[in-house]
Protein backbone atom coordinates (compact mmCIF):
# COMPACT_ATOMS: atom_id res chain seq x y z
CA MET A 1 17.38 26.67 28.00
CA LYS A 2 19.31 24.69 25.39
CA ASP A 3 22.40 24.46 27.60
CA ASP A 4 20.35 23.55 30.68
CA PHE A 5 18.47 20.83 28.80
CA ILE A 6 21.59 19.34 27.21
CA ASN A 7 23.47 19.40 30.50
CA HIS A 8 20.56 17.54 32.09
CA ILE A 9 20.06 14.96 29.32
CA LYS A 10 23.64 14.20 28.27
CA PRO A 11 24.48 12.15 31.40
CA LEU A 12 21.65 9.77 30.41
CA LEU A 13 23.50 8.79 27.20
CA PRO A 14 25.09 5.39 27.93
CA ASN A 15 28.78 4.51 27.60
CA VAL A 16 28.53 2.52 24.36
CA ASP A 17 30.13 2.65 20.92
CA TYR A 18 27.37 5.00 19.74
CA CYS A 19 23.99 6.21 20.99
CA SER A 20 21.50 8.80 19.79
CA PHE A 21 18.37 10.32 21.34
CA ARG A 22 15.63 11.60 19.01
CA PHE A 23 12.89 13.52 20.83
CA VAL A 24 9.69 14.06 18.82
CA ASN A 25 6.56 16.15 19.29
CA LYS A 26 3.81 15.50 16.72
CA TYR A 27 0.68 17.60 16.41
CA THR A 28 -2.26 17.23 14.00
CA ASN A 29 -5.35 19.40 13.52
CA ILE A 30 -7.96 18.60 10.84
CA ILE A 31 -11.02 20.74 10.11
CA SER A 32 -13.55 19.45 7.57
CA ALA A 33 -16.91 20.37 6.12
CA THR A 34 -18.83 17.67 4.23
CA ARG A 35 -22.09 18.35 2.38
CA SER A 36 -22.20 21.75 4.15
CA VAL A 37 -21.92 20.24 7.63
CA ILE A 38 -18.89 20.80 9.88
CA GLU A 39 -17.34 17.48 10.90
CA PRO A 40 -15.97 16.90 14.42
CA VAL A 41 -12.65 18.73 14.67
CA ILE A 42 -9.68 16.38 15.01
CA ILE A 43 -6.80 17.35 17.29
CA SER A 44 -4.04 14.95 18.33
CA GLU A 45 -0.65 15.47 19.94
CA ASP A 46 1.97 13.20 21.42
CA ASP A 47 5.59 13.32 22.60
CA GLY A 48 8.22 10.67 22.88
CA LEU A 49 11.80 9.53 22.48
CA MET A 50 13.59 7.03 20.27
CA VAL A 51 16.91 5.67 21.57
CA THR A 52 19.35 4.02 19.16
CA VAL A 53 22.35 2.06 20.44
CA TYR A 54 25.26 0.48 18.57
CA ASN A 55 27.65 -1.50 20.71
CA ASN A 56 30.02 -4.47 20.33
CA GLY A 57 28.72 -5.36 16.87
CA GLY A 58 25.03 -5.13 17.82
CA CYS A 59 22.18 -2.64 17.37
CA GLY A 60 19.11 -1.94 19.46
CA TYR A 61 16.22 0.49 19.81
CA GLY A 62 14.15 1.66 22.74
CA ALA A 63 11.21 4.06 22.65
CA THR A 64 9.15 5.76 25.33
CA SER A 65 6.54 8.45 25.86
CA ASN A 66 7.66 8.74 29.50
CA LEU A 67 10.14 11.61 29.28
CA THR A 68 11.14 11.61 32.92
CA ASP A 69 14.71 10.58 33.72
CA GLY A 70 13.41 7.19 34.79
CA GLY A 71 11.45 6.69 31.58
CA ILE A 72 14.43 7.67 29.42
CA LEU A 73 16.78 5.36 31.30
CA LYS A 74 14.33 2.48 30.86
CA ALA A 75 14.30 3.08 27.09
CA VAL A 76 18.12 3.18 27.12
CA LYS A 77 18.25 -0.18 28.89
CA THR A 78 15.82 -1.65 26.35
CA ALA A 79 18.00 -0.45 23.46
CA GLN A 80 21.14 -1.83 25.17
CA LYS A 81 19.42 -5.17 25.73
CA TRP A 82 18.55 -5.50 22.04
CA ALA A 83 22.05 -4.41 21.03
CA GLU A 84 23.48 -7.14 23.25
CA PHE A 85 21.05 -9.71 21.85
CA SER A 86 21.99 -8.83 18.24
CA GLU A 87 25.78 -8.84 18.73
CA ASN A 88 27.44 -10.29 15.60
CA LYS A 89 24.03 -11.12 14.13
CA LEU A 90 23.52 -8.00 12.01
CA THR A 91 23.37 -8.28 8.24
CA TYR A 92 25.68 -5.28 8.16
CA MET A 93 27.50 -3.42 10.92
CA PRO A 94 27.84 0.26 9.98
CA ASP A 95 31.13 2.13 10.07
CA LEU A 96 30.48 4.23 13.15
CA ASP A 97 33.59 6.34 12.50
CA SER A 98 31.73 7.91 9.58
CA LEU A 99 29.26 9.49 12.00
CA LYS A 100 30.43 13.03 12.64
CA GLN A 101 29.29 15.71 15.06
CA GLN A 102 26.36 17.62 13.59
CA SER A 103 24.94 20.90 14.78
CA GLY A 104 22.18 22.96 13.22
CA SER A 105 18.48 23.63 12.91
CA TYR A 106 15.60 23.97 10.48
CA PHE A 107 12.23 25.67 10.91
CA THR A 108 9.39 25.94 8.40
CA ASP A 109 8.90 29.55 7.39
CA ASP A 110 5.17 29.93 8.06
CA GLU A 111 4.43 33.62 7.65
CA GLU A 112 0.94 33.42 9.15
CA ASN A 113 0.88 30.79 11.87
CA TRP A 114 -1.95 28.23 12.03
CA SER A 115 -2.67 29.00 15.67
CA LYS A 116 -3.35 32.71 14.97
CA ILE A 117 -6.55 31.89 13.06
CA SER A 118 -9.51 30.70 15.12
CA THR A 119 -11.15 27.34 14.51
CA LYS A 120 -14.42 29.17 13.87
CA ASP A 121 -12.87 31.30 11.12
CA LYS A 122 -11.42 28.19 9.46
CA ALA A 123 -14.75 26.37 9.70
CA ASP A 124 -16.63 29.37 8.29
CA TYR A 125 -14.19 29.51 5.38
CA LEU A 126 -14.75 25.83 4.61
CA MET A 127 -18.52 26.32 4.72
CA ASN A 128 -18.17 29.04 2.07
CA VAL A 129 -16.06 26.66 -0.01
CA ASN A 130 -18.85 24.08 0.33
CA LYS A 131 -21.37 26.59 -1.04
CA SER A 132 -19.17 27.04 -4.11
CA LEU A 133 -18.80 23.28 -4.53
CA LYS A 134 -22.60 22.90 -4.49
CA SER A 135 -22.97 25.52 -7.20
CA GLN A 136 -24.49 23.14 -9.75
CA PRO A 137 -27.86 21.33 -9.35
CA THR A 138 -26.47 17.89 -10.35
CA ILE A 139 -23.77 17.93 -7.66
CA SER A 140 -24.38 14.84 -5.51
CA ASN A 141 -21.47 14.99 -3.07
CA TRP A 142 -19.04 17.68 -1.96
CA GLY A 143 -16.63 18.55 0.82
CA ALA A 144 -13.51 20.47 1.82
CA SER A 145 -10.92 20.21 4.55
CA ILE A 146 -7.67 21.68 5.81
CA ARG A 147 -5.11 19.55 7.61
CA PHE A 148 -2.28 21.06 9.68
CA ASN A 149 0.62 18.87 10.78
CA LYS A 150 3.64 19.79 12.88
CA LEU A 151 6.63 17.53 13.57
CA GLU A 152 9.25 18.92 15.95
CA THR A 153 12.42 16.95 16.64
CA LEU A 154 15.56 17.26 18.75
CA PHE A 155 18.51 14.98 17.98
CA ILE A 156 21.55 14.50 20.21
CA ASP A 157 24.16 11.74 20.28
CA THR A 158 27.43 10.58 21.83
CA ASN A 159 29.33 12.63 19.21
CA ASP A 160 27.98 15.82 20.85
CA SER A 161 25.56 16.46 17.98
CA TYR A 162 22.67 18.86 18.48
CA VAL A 163 20.03 19.20 15.76
CA ARG A 164 16.66 20.87 16.24
CA GLN A 165 14.03 20.94 13.48
CA LYS A 166 10.37 21.91 13.21
CA ILE A 167 8.45 21.03 10.06
CA SER A 168 4.86 22.17 9.68
CA TYR A 169 2.66 21.83 6.63
CA LEU A 170 -0.85 22.46 5.32
CA LEU A 171 -2.95 20.16 3.17
CA PRO A 172 -6.05 21.81 1.66
CA GLN A 173 -8.45 19.38 -0.02
CA MET A 174 -11.69 19.63 -1.99
CA VAL A 175 -13.87 16.95 -3.56
CA VAL A 176 -17.00 17.32 -5.67
CA SER A 177 -19.06 14.70 -7.52
CA ALA A 178 -21.72 15.19 -10.19
CA GLU A 179 -24.30 12.66 -11.38
CA TYR A 180 -25.88 12.34 -14.84
CA LYS A 181 -27.92 9.32 -15.96
CA LYS A 182 -26.51 7.29 -13.05
CA GLU A 183 -22.96 8.21 -14.11
CA ILE A 184 -20.95 9.83 -11.30
CA GLN A 185 -17.76 11.77 -11.97
CA THR A 186 -15.52 13.32 -9.32
CA ARG A 187 -13.07 16.19 -9.35
CA THR A 188 -10.67 17.00 -6.55
CA TYR A 189 -8.19 19.75 -5.84
CA GLY A 190 -5.24 17.70 -7.07
CA GLY A 191 -6.22 14.75 -4.89
CA HIS A 192 -3.81 15.14 -1.95
CA ALA A 193 -1.20 16.92 -4.07
CA HIS A 194 -1.24 20.44 -2.63
CA ALA A 195 0.51 19.69 0.67
CA ARG A 196 3.19 22.32 1.33
CA GLN A 197 5.36 23.74 4.11
CA VAL A 198 3.52 27.06 4.23
CA GLY A 199 1.65 29.33 6.59
CA TYR A 200 -2.10 29.81 6.74
CA ASP A 201 -1.81 32.73 4.29
CA PHE A 202 -1.34 30.04 1.62
CA ILE A 203 -5.07 29.26 1.96
CA ASP A 204 -5.91 32.84 0.98
CA SER A 205 -3.45 32.78 -1.93
CA ILE A 206 -4.97 29.69 -3.59
CA ASN A 207 -8.56 31.01 -3.34
CA MET A 208 -10.31 27.72 -2.62
CA THR A 209 -13.74 29.30 -3.14
CA GLU A 210 -13.05 30.15 -6.79
CA HIS A 211 -11.31 26.81 -7.39
CA ALA A 212 -14.39 25.09 -5.96
CA LYS A 213 -16.64 26.64 -8.61
CA LEU A 214 -14.32 25.49 -11.39
CA LEU A 215 -14.11 21.96 -9.98
CA ALA A 216 -17.90 21.77 -9.77
CA GLU A 217 -18.24 22.85 -13.40
CA GLU A 218 -15.67 20.27 -14.48
CA ALA A 219 -17.39 17.48 -12.52
CA VAL A 220 -20.67 18.27 -14.28
CA GLU A 221 -18.95 18.43 -17.67
CA LEU A 222 -17.18 15.11 -17.05
CA SER A 223 -20.43 13.40 -16.05
CA ARG A 224 -21.80 14.18 -19.52
CA ALA A 225 -18.56 13.61 -21.44
CA PRO A 226 -17.76 10.59 -23.63
CA ASN A 227 -15.44 7.86 -22.38
CA CYS A 228 -11.75 8.14 -23.13
CA PRO A 229 -10.89 6.27 -26.35
CA ASP A 230 -8.53 3.28 -26.37
CA LYS A 231 -5.38 3.94 -28.37
CA ILE A 232 -1.59 4.20 -28.42
CA THR A 233 -0.96 7.92 -28.44
CA ASP A 234 1.01 10.90 -27.16
CA ALA A 235 0.24 11.79 -23.55
CA VAL A 236 0.79 15.18 -21.94
CA ILE A 237 0.79 14.57 -18.20
CA ALA A 238 0.00 17.42 -15.79
CA PRO A 239 1.99 17.89 -12.56
CA ASP A 240 -0.78 16.56 -10.27
CA GLN A 241 -0.59 13.22 -12.11
CA MET A 242 3.17 13.35 -12.70
CA ILE A 243 3.79 13.28 -8.96
CA LEU A 244 2.22 9.81 -8.68
CA GLN A 245 4.17 8.64 -11.72
CA ILE A 246 7.44 9.86 -10.19
CA HIS A 247 6.51 8.53 -6.75
CA GLU A 248 5.62 5.00 -7.86
CA SER A 249 7.97 4.33 -10.78
CA ILE A 250 11.07 6.31 -9.72
CA GLY A 251 10.84 7.02 -5.99
CA HIS A 252 9.90 3.62 -4.62
CA PRO A 253 12.08 1.48 -6.95
CA LEU A 254 15.15 3.59 -6.06
CA GLU A 255 14.74 3.14 -2.29
CA LEU A 256 17.82 1.17 -1.35
CA ASP A 257 16.18 -1.01 1.29
CA ARG A 258 13.83 -2.32 -1.43
CA ILE A 259 16.80 -3.00 -3.72
CA LEU A 260 18.50 -4.86 -0.86
CA GLY A 261 15.34 -6.91 -0.25
CA ASP A 262 14.52 -5.51 3.19
CA GLU A 263 11.01 -4.37 2.17
CA ARG A 264 9.89 -7.26 -0.02
CA ASN A 265 7.73 -8.99 2.61
CA TYR A 266 5.46 -5.98 2.96
CA ALA A 267 5.69 -3.38 0.19
CA GLY A 268 7.71 -5.27 -2.41
CA SER A 269 11.21 -5.02 -3.81
CA SER A 270 12.50 -3.36 -6.99
CA PHE A 271 13.46 -4.21 -10.55
CA VAL A 272 16.59 -2.08 -9.95
CA THR A 273 19.78 -3.99 -9.04
CA PRO A 274 23.01 -2.58 -7.52
CA ASP A 275 25.00 -3.06 -10.73
CA MET A 276 22.71 -0.63 -12.62
CA PHE A 277 24.02 2.50 -10.87
CA GLY A 278 26.29 4.59 -13.05
CA ASN A 279 25.30 2.97 -16.35
CA TYR A 280 21.60 2.06 -16.60
CA LYS A 281 19.53 4.19 -18.99
CA TYR A 282 16.46 4.78 -16.83
CA GLY A 283 14.93 7.27 -19.25
CA SER A 284 15.52 9.56 -22.18
CA ASP A 285 18.34 12.11 -22.20
CA ILE A 286 16.02 14.86 -20.90
CA LEU A 287 15.12 12.97 -17.71
CA ASN A 288 16.79 14.59 -14.69
CA VAL A 289 15.59 13.63 -11.21
CA THR A 290 16.98 14.93 -7.94
CA PHE A 291 16.72 14.20 -4.24
CA ASN A 292 16.34 17.78 -3.07
CA PRO A 293 15.60 18.59 0.59
CA THR A 294 16.53 22.25 0.00
CA LEU A 295 13.60 23.56 -2.11
CA GLU A 296 11.70 26.22 -0.15
CA THR A 297 8.11 25.29 0.88
CA GLU A 298 8.32 21.71 -0.48
CA LEU A 299 6.85 19.10 1.83
CA ALA A 300 10.03 17.20 2.82
CA THR A 301 12.44 20.12 2.97
CA TYR A 302 14.84 19.86 5.94
CA ASN A 303 18.51 20.29 6.86
CA PHE A 304 19.13 16.90 8.50
CA ASP A 305 17.52 13.48 8.31
CA ASP A 306 16.49 11.52 11.41
CA ASP A 307 19.91 9.88 11.76
CA GLY A 308 21.53 13.33 11.87
CA THR A 309 22.93 13.24 8.32
CA ASN A 310 23.37 16.64 6.70
CA ALA A 311 20.95 17.08 3.76
CA SER A 312 21.89 18.29 0.29
CA LYS A 313 20.57 18.22 -3.28
CA GLU A 314 21.84 15.19 -5.22
CA TYR A 315 21.05 13.74 -8.64
CA LEU A 316 19.38 10.33 -8.70
CA ILE A 317 19.05 10.28 -12.50
CA LYS A 318 21.05 12.61 -14.74
CA GLU A 319 20.48 12.88 -18.49
CA GLY A 320 18.57 9.61 -18.26
CA VAL A 321 21.34 7.65 -16.50
CA LEU A 322 20.79 6.14 -13.05
CA ILE A 323 23.32 7.75 -10.67
CA ARG A 324 22.50 6.87 -7.06
CA PRO A 325 19.75 5.25 -4.94
CA ILE A 326 17.57 6.73 -2.25
CA GLY A 327 19.70 5.25 0.49
CA GLY A 328 20.73 6.66 3.85
CA LEU A 329 24.27 6.75 5.17
CA PHE A 330 24.26 3.23 6.66
CA SER A 331 22.43 1.37 3.88
CA SER A 332 24.59 3.09 1.25
CA GLN A 333 27.72 2.02 3.14
CA ARG A 334 26.44 -1.53 2.92
CA MET A 335 26.37 -1.32 -0.90
CA GLY A 336 29.38 0.96 -1.35
CA LEU A 337 27.18 3.62 -3.01
CA ASP A 338 26.78 7.37 -2.50
CA HIS A 339 24.15 8.25 0.09
CA VAL A 340 21.43 10.88 0.46
CA ALA A 341 19.93 12.19 3.70
CA CYS A 342 16.83 9.99 3.57
CA SER A 343 16.77 8.13 6.90
CA ARG A 344 13.33 9.20 8.08
CA ALA A 345 10.84 8.09 10.72
CA CYS A 346 7.16 8.97 11.06
CA ASN A 347 7.31 9.44 14.85
CA TRP A 348 9.21 8.76 18.06
CA ASN A 349 8.14 5.09 18.22
CA ARG A 350 9.61 4.11 14.84
CA PRO A 351 13.29 3.86 13.80
CA PRO A 352 14.41 5.72 10.65
CA ILE A 353 14.42 3.76 7.37
CA ASP A 354 15.18 4.66 3.75
CA ARG A 355 12.37 6.98 2.64
CA MET A 356 11.74 9.37 -0.17
CA GLY A 357 12.20 13.03 0.71
CA ASN A 358 11.67 15.58 -2.05
CA ILE A 359 12.01 13.60 -5.29
CA ASN A 360 11.84 16.16 -8.09
CA LEU A 361 11.84 16.05 -11.88
CA GLU A 362 13.94 19.02 -12.97
CA PRO A 363 12.29 21.48 -15.41
CA GLY A 364 13.21 21.60 -19.09
CA ASP A 365 12.84 24.25 -21.78
CA HIS A 366 9.30 23.97 -23.20
CA THR A 367 6.26 26.13 -22.48
CA PHE A 368 2.86 24.49 -22.05
CA ASP A 369 1.77 25.90 -25.41
CA ASP A 370 4.94 24.53 -27.06
CA ILE A 371 4.12 21.06 -25.80
CA ILE A 372 0.45 21.10 -26.80
CA GLN A 373 1.21 22.56 -30.24
CA SER A 374 3.77 19.81 -30.90
CA VAL A 375 1.09 17.08 -30.58
CA ASP A 376 -0.87 16.09 -33.69
CA GLU A 377 -3.03 13.62 -31.78
CA GLY A 378 -2.92 12.89 -28.06
CA ILE A 379 -4.43 13.51 -24.64
CA LEU A 380 -3.80 15.74 -21.63
CA LEU A 381 -4.12 13.76 -18.38
CA GLU A 382 -4.87 15.47 -15.06
CA THR A 383 -5.21 14.43 -11.41
CA ASN A 384 -4.65 10.88 -10.24
CA ASN A 385 -7.61 8.86 -8.95
CA SER A 386 -6.24 5.30 -8.98
CA TRP A 387 -2.92 3.54 -9.13
CA SER A 388 -1.60 0.02 -9.44
CA ILE A 389 1.98 -1.16 -9.82
CA ASP A 390 3.59 -4.57 -9.39
CA ASP A 391 5.76 -5.48 -6.41
CA LYS A 392 8.96 -4.73 -8.33
CA ARG A 393 7.70 -1.28 -9.34
CA ASN A 394 7.91 -2.19 -13.01
CA LYS A 395 4.51 -2.65 -14.70
CA PHE A 396 1.96 0.00 -13.79
CA GLN A 397 -1.54 1.28 -14.51
CA PHE A 398 -2.88 4.70 -13.49
CA GLY A 399 -6.32 6.26 -13.72
CA CYS A 400 -6.96 10.01 -13.92
CA GLU A 401 -9.93 12.24 -13.15
CA LYS A 402 -9.85 14.26 -16.35
CA GLY A 403 -8.67 13.81 -19.93
CA THR A 404 -8.59 16.46 -22.64
CA LEU A 405 -8.09 15.33 -26.22
CA ILE A 406 -5.45 17.08 -28.34
CA LYS A 407 -5.86 17.35 -32.11
CA ASN A 408 -3.63 19.26 -34.50
CA GLY A 409 -1.87 21.04 -31.65
CA LYS A 410 -5.03 22.23 -29.89
CA LEU A 411 -7.05 21.11 -26.88
CA SER A 412 -10.29 19.79 -28.37
CA GLY A 413 -12.65 18.24 -25.83
CA ILE A 414 -12.96 16.57 -22.43
CA VAL A 415 -13.24 12.79 -21.93
CA LYS A 416 -13.97 10.86 -18.73
CA ASN A 417 -12.33 7.82 -17.10
CA PRO A 418 -8.92 8.19 -18.79
CA SER A 419 -6.32 5.59 -17.80
CA TYR A 420 -2.90 4.57 -19.07
CA ARG A 421 -0.51 1.68 -18.56
CA GLY A 422 3.13 0.93 -19.21
CA VAL A 423 6.47 -0.50 -18.11
CA THR A 424 8.84 1.76 -16.19
CA GLU A 425 11.88 1.55 -18.49
CA SER A 426 10.07 2.03 -21.81
CA PHE A 427 7.77 4.68 -20.32
CA TRP A 428 10.56 6.98 -19.12
CA ASN A 429 12.56 6.41 -22.31
CA ASN A 430 9.49 7.70 -24.19
CA LEU A 431 9.79 11.06 -22.41
CA SER A 432 10.03 13.50 -25.33
CA LYS A 433 9.48 16.99 -23.86
CA VAL A 434 9.82 18.48 -20.37
CA GLY A 435 8.05 21.70 -19.42
CA ASN A 436 9.88 24.80 -18.24
CA HIS A 437 9.79 26.53 -14.84
CA ASP A 438 6.48 28.20 -15.67
CA THR A 439 4.81 24.77 -15.90
CA ASN A 440 6.51 23.50 -12.74
CA ARG A 441 4.47 22.89 -9.57
CA ILE A 442 5.65 22.19 -6.02
CA LEU A 443 3.37 19.43 -4.74
CA GLY A 444 3.47 16.48 -2.36
CA THR A 445 1.73 13.62 -0.62
CA SER A 446 1.21 13.28 3.12
CA ASN A 447 0.41 9.57 3.24
CA CYS A 448 3.24 7.47 1.78
CA GLY A 449 3.18 4.13 3.59
CA LYS A 450 6.07 1.73 4.08
CA GLY A 451 7.87 -0.36 6.70
CA GLU A 452 7.07 -3.07 9.23
CA PRO A 453 5.48 -1.86 11.46
CA ASN A 454 3.97 0.61 9.02
CA GLN A 455 5.18 4.20 8.84
CA THR A 456 3.10 6.84 7.03
CA ILE A 457 5.19 9.85 6.08
CA PHE A 458 5.06 13.04 4.01
CA VAL A 459 6.92 13.25 0.69
CA GLY A 460 7.45 16.15 -1.72
CA HIS A 461 7.45 16.11 -5.52
CA SER A 462 8.17 19.11 -7.73
CA THR A 463 7.56 18.54 -11.43
CA PRO A 464 6.68 20.31 -14.67
CA VAL A 465 4.27 19.18 -17.37
CA CYS A 466 5.76 16.34 -19.45
CA LEU A 467 5.08 14.82 -22.89
CA PHE A 468 5.42 11.08 -23.52
CA SER A 469 5.12 9.29 -26.88
CA ASN A 470 3.52 5.92 -27.68
CA ILE A 471 1.53 5.57 -24.45
CA ASP A 472 -1.18 2.93 -24.06
CA VAL A 473 -4.22 5.03 -23.11
CA PHE A 474 -7.65 3.50 -22.48
CA GLY A 475 -11.06 4.44 -21.11
CA GLY A 476 -13.32 3.06 -18.40
CA ILE A 477 -16.48 0.98 -18.76
């Protein structure tokens, strides 16, 4: 079938300097139960094609959901028209000779396929989770859901490339709120952190029903807990909060299109400048951050990006020094910097742009107990519930669901409404201990937004527990 399809489609590629076709099928299924009531099941699916043309110093795109020969040819003509219109008007014309023939595939290894489990069985499971969430009398709100997403792509171009990939992932979520004296506190299952490229058997392995009971107990405990104190202190940050810290203060500021100013009208720019690469001390010597699309089950694991660039693990920050940006082949050419395979699009009707993939903080040497025992006075912060960062990704403020005070090397009591603030450079240079592989968690977010028009895409973050010194921690009202 591959040969028949290629033989049929290839003649539709135009005679231009370069052209690519990216076919996309996107499928979403969401099953939810809120306050022990099954919500309407959401199912959506669409197919389409993105055509990219470079010719005579111009670039153009055309997109269509009409995948007949006539529909494809119309999209090709649209792309050629825009390429003609933009001749010699581009900010940068890529070196097309650097585009090589690519051939390969990638498929998520989902041991137990989503489609093998009936909707009724999934709904019944979520109803049982709801019973566990409502296990305490002061619980005022509760709910659970499972989202399944599948993105299947086929990429061909005038260099005879052929790349087929299918990425599917699950996002289990739980939320529970408890009320005490008009004070409401909420616990979630890592917010949206537990998105992974896994099969449905992952749901059984995480035992949502037992987790639900624990979350309900914690919500009740938090509703009666004192407010987090205001002080400069040591902060141990758990993986489900670390992923937001990495995402906002390392991932976004290192996206090369932000550094070049292409994103500033919508999502902001970056404090990072091109001259920083290779010499800027982004963090302490134990800070090592990689772009790694090769880690099994992580959310943005793949073998090729959406421009057909082969994907590999690369250091963004090594021993605290800024090495390279999150920039695709073309944008990195523009700056004369090393690239990563990060040209990604959310669907067939959007062109690829510089996006995070798997942005991971590499594990260190310390156990969780080592880290806690090293703290005379501090706080353990878990699970993000709010975030704010300026448009240059420099000054930030994050809120967390749960804080646990640390005194004399021991966990000593829960506090509610913990928040912390800082500046990116000083914060990461205050990194003093990095947890080992046993503290490491593979997590991710399915809703990173960027681009004009907007593109919402899935991003992975793998990170251990980390200890920071001299952090400005404060409580809520």
